[in-house]
Amino acid sequence: MTNNLIQIEAVFVEKLNEEVILEFESEIWNEIFELEKEKENRNGTGDTKILKEKTLDFRKRFSGLVLAVVGDSESFVPRPWNATAFTADLIDTLKKVKESWLIYRGKDIGISSFIYNAFEEDIRTNGTLATKLIAVKPKDEKILRKPNQQKLTTTGQSKASKNQLSFKLPSMNDKDWFNIGLIELLKCLSEKTTPLLSFITENEDSKQYHNELPMEIPVLLVVAEGDIETIHQVESSVESNIPVLLVKGSGKAADLLVENLTSRY
């Protein structure tokens, strides 16, 4: 049995003046952005064979599904709910996709702890899971990596400034900067493409070419439990055309939103 069970990367969110800064650890940054930069640099050089091969290698690694689970809060849950069934269904859904990402808050309490413990147990029992856990945290909050947790890559201090995206804060939204950073990350991922189908064709001179039918990355915000901050995240997600799944019965903000929606329709 391996001692390094879970692979976790991190995206750190920081408010700087009137901007929100997202700082990526290098593994995620390379998978999302480096290929696009290389494609721009190679554009018009005629070196399409190398580019095409690298593109295919890259897309085999890129996610076919991104789930972002929100709802961590330190307040009391008024009634128990079946969090075990929730995490089991979550893992089962992710297993049906060849490569997937699960974005969460990375805390050691609440929904984050349910997710971490469930993934750890599933990997211990069933072996490797092709899902990358990505913790999205404020920059001044260290990522809690347990002793048995594997980290694939480290972004050095001298290189960290290159792995950043910045977004202008909307007016009157100064207090909501972390939620804005999370939603901007989801928007960024939803604009990427992954192959729906990959196939090889052969032309008249018997040369083979790789072809792909692309689709936009499916991105979904999943809400369980939650507080007022979670409601803001849902609002921002809907405004950004990112679909939201509310876990009915998990209590707190999730149930409040469900009851509000069902009473209106």
Protein backbone atom coordinates (compact mmCIF):
# COMPACT_ATOMS: atom_id res chain seq x y z
CA MET A 1 0.00 0.00 0.00
CA THR A 2 1.38 3.40 -0.97
CA ASN A 3 1.88 6.12 1.59
CA ASN A 4 1.23 8.86 -0.99
CA LEU A 5 -2.47 8.54 -1.61
CA ILE A 6 -3.78 11.88 -2.79
CA GLN A 7 -2.45 14.36 -5.31
CA ILE A 8 -3.50 17.94 -4.57
CA GLU A 9 -2.61 21.17 -6.33
CA ALA A 10 -3.55 24.68 -5.24
CA VAL A 11 -4.77 27.97 -6.64
CA PHE A 12 -4.23 30.92 -4.30
CA VAL A 13 -6.51 33.97 -4.42
CA GLU A 14 -5.34 37.43 -3.37
CA LYS A 15 -6.85 40.92 -3.42
CA LEU A 16 -4.35 43.54 -4.55
CA ASN A 17 -5.63 47.10 -4.82
CA GLU A 18 -8.62 46.91 -7.19
CA GLU A 19 -7.76 43.50 -8.64
CA VAL A 20 -8.17 39.83 -7.78
CA ILE A 21 -5.01 37.79 -8.43
CA LEU A 22 -5.12 34.03 -9.03
CA GLU A 23 -1.75 32.33 -8.48
CA PHE A 24 -1.47 28.78 -9.82
CA GLU A 25 0.88 26.02 -8.80
CA SER A 26 2.90 25.02 -11.84
CA GLU A 27 1.22 21.68 -12.58
CA ILE A 28 -2.17 23.32 -13.15
CA TRP A 29 -0.71 26.35 -14.93
CA ASN A 30 1.15 24.17 -17.41
CA GLU A 31 -1.92 22.09 -18.17
CA ILE A 32 -4.23 25.08 -18.71
CA PHE A 33 -2.09 27.80 -20.26
CA GLU A 34 1.36 26.75 -21.46
CA LEU A 35 0.17 24.91 -24.56
CA GLU A 36 -1.90 27.90 -25.73
CA LYS A 37 1.14 30.13 -25.31
CA GLU A 38 3.25 27.68 -27.30
CA LYS A 39 0.62 27.51 -30.05
CA GLU A 40 0.69 31.31 -30.38
CA ASN A 41 4.49 31.33 -30.55
CA ARG A 42 4.52 28.61 -33.23
CA ASN A 43 1.72 30.12 -35.28
CA GLY A 44 2.87 30.49 -38.89
CA THR A 45 6.15 28.62 -38.44
CA GLY A 46 4.96 25.59 -40.39
CA ASP A 47 6.02 23.26 -37.57
CA THR A 48 2.53 21.81 -37.36
CA LYS A 49 3.53 18.17 -36.83
CA ILE A 50 5.28 18.86 -33.51
CA LEU A 51 2.52 21.20 -32.42
CA LYS A 52 -0.16 18.68 -33.28
CA GLU A 53 1.56 15.90 -31.34
CA LYS A 54 2.02 18.14 -28.30
CA THR A 55 -1.59 19.25 -28.53
CA LEU A 56 -2.80 15.67 -28.45
CA ASP A 57 -0.54 14.82 -25.50
CA PHE A 58 -1.82 17.88 -23.66
CA ARG A 59 -5.48 17.17 -24.25
CA LYS A 60 -5.16 13.61 -23.06
CA ARG A 61 -4.17 15.08 -19.69
CA PHE A 62 -6.71 17.89 -19.62
CA SER A 63 -9.93 17.44 -17.72
CA GLY A 64 -13.13 16.19 -19.35
CA LEU A 65 -15.18 17.38 -16.36
CA VAL A 66 -14.69 20.06 -13.68
CA LEU A 67 -16.78 19.97 -10.50
CA ALA A 68 -16.46 22.75 -7.91
CA VAL A 69 -17.96 21.85 -4.53
CA VAL A 70 -18.73 24.77 -2.20
CA GLY A 71 -20.47 25.09 1.15
CA ASP A 72 -17.77 24.95 3.83
CA SER A 73 -18.81 26.87 6.93
CA GLU A 74 -18.12 26.67 10.63
CA SER A 75 -21.70 27.18 11.75
CA PHE A 76 -23.81 24.40 13.26
CA VAL A 77 -25.75 22.11 10.91
CA PRO A 78 -29.26 21.92 12.44
CA ARG A 79 -29.90 18.34 11.28
CA PRO A 80 -27.67 15.48 10.13
CA TRP A 81 -27.59 14.50 6.47
CA ASN A 82 -26.08 11.64 4.51
CA ALA A 83 -22.74 13.16 3.58
CA THR A 84 -21.34 9.66 3.01
CA ALA A 85 -23.84 8.99 0.21
CA PHE A 86 -23.10 12.44 -1.25
CA THR A 87 -19.34 11.85 -1.47
CA ALA A 88 -19.86 8.29 -2.76
CA ASP A 89 -22.07 9.59 -5.59
CA LEU A 90 -19.54 12.35 -6.27
CA ILE A 91 -16.68 9.87 -6.63
CA ASP A 92 -18.83 7.54 -8.75
CA THR A 93 -19.63 10.41 -11.15
CA LEU A 94 -15.97 11.39 -11.47
CA LYS A 95 -14.92 7.79 -12.14
CA LYS A 96 -17.08 7.78 -15.27
CA VAL A 97 -14.82 10.43 -16.81
CA LYS A 98 -11.32 9.54 -18.00
CA GLU A 99 -9.76 12.70 -16.54
CA SER A 100 -11.54 15.02 -14.09
CA TRP A 101 -10.87 17.88 -11.69
CA LEU A 102 -12.56 18.47 -8.37
CA ILE A 103 -12.20 22.01 -7.02
CA TYR A 104 -12.87 22.53 -3.32
CA ARG A 105 -11.98 24.85 -0.46
CA GLY A 106 -9.20 22.69 0.99
CA LYS A 107 -10.21 23.10 4.64
CA ASP A 108 -9.98 20.45 7.35
CA ILE A 109 -13.62 20.94 8.39
CA GLY A 110 -17.05 20.72 6.79
CA ILE A 111 -17.57 19.70 3.18
CA SER A 112 -13.82 19.84 2.44
CA SER A 113 -13.06 17.25 5.12
CA PHE A 114 -15.86 14.97 3.84
CA ILE A 115 -14.37 15.13 0.34
CA TYR A 116 -10.78 14.57 1.42
CA ASN A 117 -11.60 11.63 3.70
CA ALA A 118 -13.84 9.98 1.08
CA PHE A 119 -11.18 10.27 -1.63
CA GLU A 120 -8.49 8.96 0.70
CA GLU A 121 -10.60 5.94 1.63
CA ASP A 122 -11.58 5.20 -1.97
CA ILE A 123 -7.98 5.34 -3.18
CA ARG A 124 -6.84 3.16 -0.27
CA THR A 125 -9.53 0.61 -1.09
CA ASN A 126 -9.76 0.70 -4.89
CA GLY A 127 -6.44 2.14 -6.07
CA THR A 128 -5.64 5.19 -8.17
CA LEU A 129 -8.45 7.62 -9.04
CA ALA A 130 -7.95 9.73 -12.18
CA THR A 131 -9.24 12.88 -10.48
CA LYS A 132 -7.10 15.84 -9.53
CA LEU A 133 -8.10 17.66 -6.33
CA ILE A 134 -7.55 21.42 -6.55
CA ALA A 135 -7.76 23.52 -3.40
CA VAL A 136 -8.74 27.16 -3.95
CA LYS A 137 -7.62 29.26 -0.97
CA PRO A 138 -6.76 32.82 0.04
CA LYS A 139 -3.02 33.38 -0.42
CA ASP A 140 -2.44 34.00 3.30
CA GLU A 141 -4.02 30.63 4.14
CA LYS A 142 -1.65 27.70 3.86
CA ILE A 143 -2.84 24.57 2.13
CA LEU A 144 -3.25 21.76 4.63
CA ARG A 145 -1.35 18.82 3.17
CA LYS A 146 -1.45 15.78 5.40
CA PRO A 147 1.76 13.77 5.93
CA ASN A 148 0.63 11.02 3.52
CA GLN A 149 -0.31 13.48 0.80
CA GLN A 150 1.66 13.73 -2.42
CA LYS A 151 2.44 17.03 -4.11
CA LEU A 152 3.50 16.61 -7.71
CA THR A 153 5.23 19.92 -8.33
CA THR A 154 6.33 23.01 -6.45
CA THR A 155 6.11 26.54 -7.76
CA GLY A 156 9.23 28.37 -6.66
CA GLN A 157 9.04 31.91 -5.34
CA SER A 158 11.03 33.30 -8.28
CA LYS A 159 8.65 31.66 -10.75
CA ALA A 160 5.35 32.19 -8.97
CA SER A 161 4.69 35.64 -10.38
CA LYS A 162 4.58 34.17 -13.91
CA ASN A 163 1.77 31.77 -13.02
CA GLN A 164 -0.87 34.42 -12.39
CA LEU A 165 -4.11 35.75 -13.79
CA SER A 166 -5.61 39.06 -12.67
CA PHE A 167 -9.19 40.32 -12.83
CA LYS A 168 -10.56 43.79 -12.20
CA LEU A 169 -12.89 43.94 -9.22
CA PRO A 170 -16.39 45.14 -10.14
CA SER A 171 -17.44 48.34 -8.39
CA MET A 172 -19.18 47.85 -5.02
CA ASN A 173 -17.85 44.28 -4.80
CA ASP A 174 -14.78 44.89 -2.66
CA LYS A 175 -15.85 42.47 0.09
CA ASP A 176 -16.63 39.65 -2.33
CA TRP A 177 -13.16 39.33 -3.87
CA PHE A 178 -12.57 35.66 -2.98
CA ASN A 179 -15.86 34.51 -4.51
CA ILE A 180 -15.13 36.56 -7.62
CA GLY A 181 -11.73 34.86 -7.91
CA LEU A 182 -13.31 31.40 -7.67
CA ILE A 183 -15.96 32.16 -10.30
CA GLU A 184 -13.39 33.72 -12.64
CA LEU A 185 -11.40 30.49 -12.39
CA LEU A 186 -14.48 28.44 -13.31
CA LYS A 187 -15.26 30.79 -16.20
CA CYS A 188 -11.69 30.41 -17.46
CA LEU A 189 -11.93 26.62 -17.37
CA SER A 190 -15.38 26.57 -19.02
CA GLU A 191 -13.92 28.40 -22.03
CA LYS A 192 -11.33 25.66 -22.65
CA THR A 193 -12.01 22.71 -24.94
CA THR A 194 -11.41 18.99 -24.66
CA PRO A 195 -11.85 16.34 -27.38
CA LEU A 196 -15.32 14.86 -27.61
CA LEU A 197 -13.99 12.48 -30.28
CA SER A 198 -10.45 11.77 -31.51
CA PHE A 199 -9.84 9.94 -34.76
CA ILE A 200 -7.21 9.38 -37.47
CA THR A 201 -7.73 10.07 -41.16
CA GLU A 202 -5.54 9.18 -44.12
CA ASN A 203 -5.11 11.37 -47.19
CA GLU A 204 -4.33 10.42 -50.79
CA ASP A 205 -0.57 10.14 -50.22
CA SER A 206 -1.21 7.70 -47.32
CA LYS A 207 -0.16 10.19 -44.63
CA GLN A 208 -2.12 9.91 -41.40
CA TYR A 209 -3.50 12.92 -39.53
CA HIS A 210 -4.98 13.18 -36.07
CA ASN A 211 -8.35 14.92 -35.94
CA GLU A 212 -10.48 16.02 -33.01
CA LEU A 213 -14.05 17.08 -32.50
CA PRO A 214 -13.74 19.50 -29.56
CA MET A 215 -16.28 20.48 -26.93
CA GLU A 216 -16.17 23.04 -24.15
CA ILE A 217 -15.14 21.67 -20.75
CA PRO A 218 -18.26 20.88 -18.67
CA VAL A 219 -18.04 22.91 -15.45
CA LEU A 220 -20.56 22.59 -12.61
CA LEU A 221 -20.84 24.31 -9.21
CA VAL A 222 -22.12 21.87 -6.55
CA VAL A 223 -23.60 23.38 -3.37
CA ALA A 224 -23.90 21.42 -0.11
CA GLU A 225 -24.64 23.07 3.26
CA GLY A 226 -23.20 26.60 2.96
CA ASP A 227 -23.68 30.09 4.40
CA ILE A 228 -24.21 33.64 3.14
CA GLU A 229 -20.88 33.49 1.28
CA THR A 230 -22.11 30.38 -0.55
CA ILE A 231 -25.23 32.27 -1.69
CA HIS A 232 -22.97 34.96 -3.17
CA GLN A 233 -21.02 32.24 -4.98
CA VAL A 234 -24.24 30.84 -6.45
CA GLU A 235 -25.32 34.30 -7.58
CA SER A 236 -21.97 34.98 -9.27
CA SER A 237 -22.01 31.54 -10.89
CA VAL A 238 -25.48 32.00 -12.38
CA GLU A 239 -24.56 35.47 -13.65
CA SER A 240 -21.53 33.89 -15.37
CA ASN A 241 -23.66 31.14 -17.01
CA ILE A 242 -22.05 28.41 -14.91
CA PRO A 243 -24.69 25.80 -13.95
CA VAL A 244 -25.37 25.12 -10.27
CA LEU A 245 -26.45 21.89 -8.57
CA LEU A 246 -28.06 22.29 -5.12
CA VAL A 247 -27.84 19.27 -2.80
CA LYS A 248 -31.30 19.18 -1.25
CA GLY A 249 -31.32 17.92 2.33
CA SER A 250 -27.76 19.02 3.14
CA GLY A 251 -29.16 21.94 5.14
CA LYS A 252 -28.33 25.61 5.58
CA ALA A 253 -27.81 27.71 2.44
CA ALA A 254 -28.41 24.84 0.01
CA ASP A 255 -31.85 24.04 1.45
CA LEU A 256 -32.72 27.72 1.76
CA LEU A 257 -32.09 28.18 -1.96
CA VAL A 258 -34.04 25.00 -2.83
CA GLU A 259 -37.05 26.13 -0.78
CA ASN A 260 -36.91 29.60 -2.32
CA LEU A 261 -36.82 28.22 -5.86
CA THR A 262 -39.55 25.60 -5.33
CA SER A 263 -41.87 28.17 -3.75
CA ARG A 264 -41.55 30.44 -6.78
CA TYR A 265 -42.22 27.83 -9.47
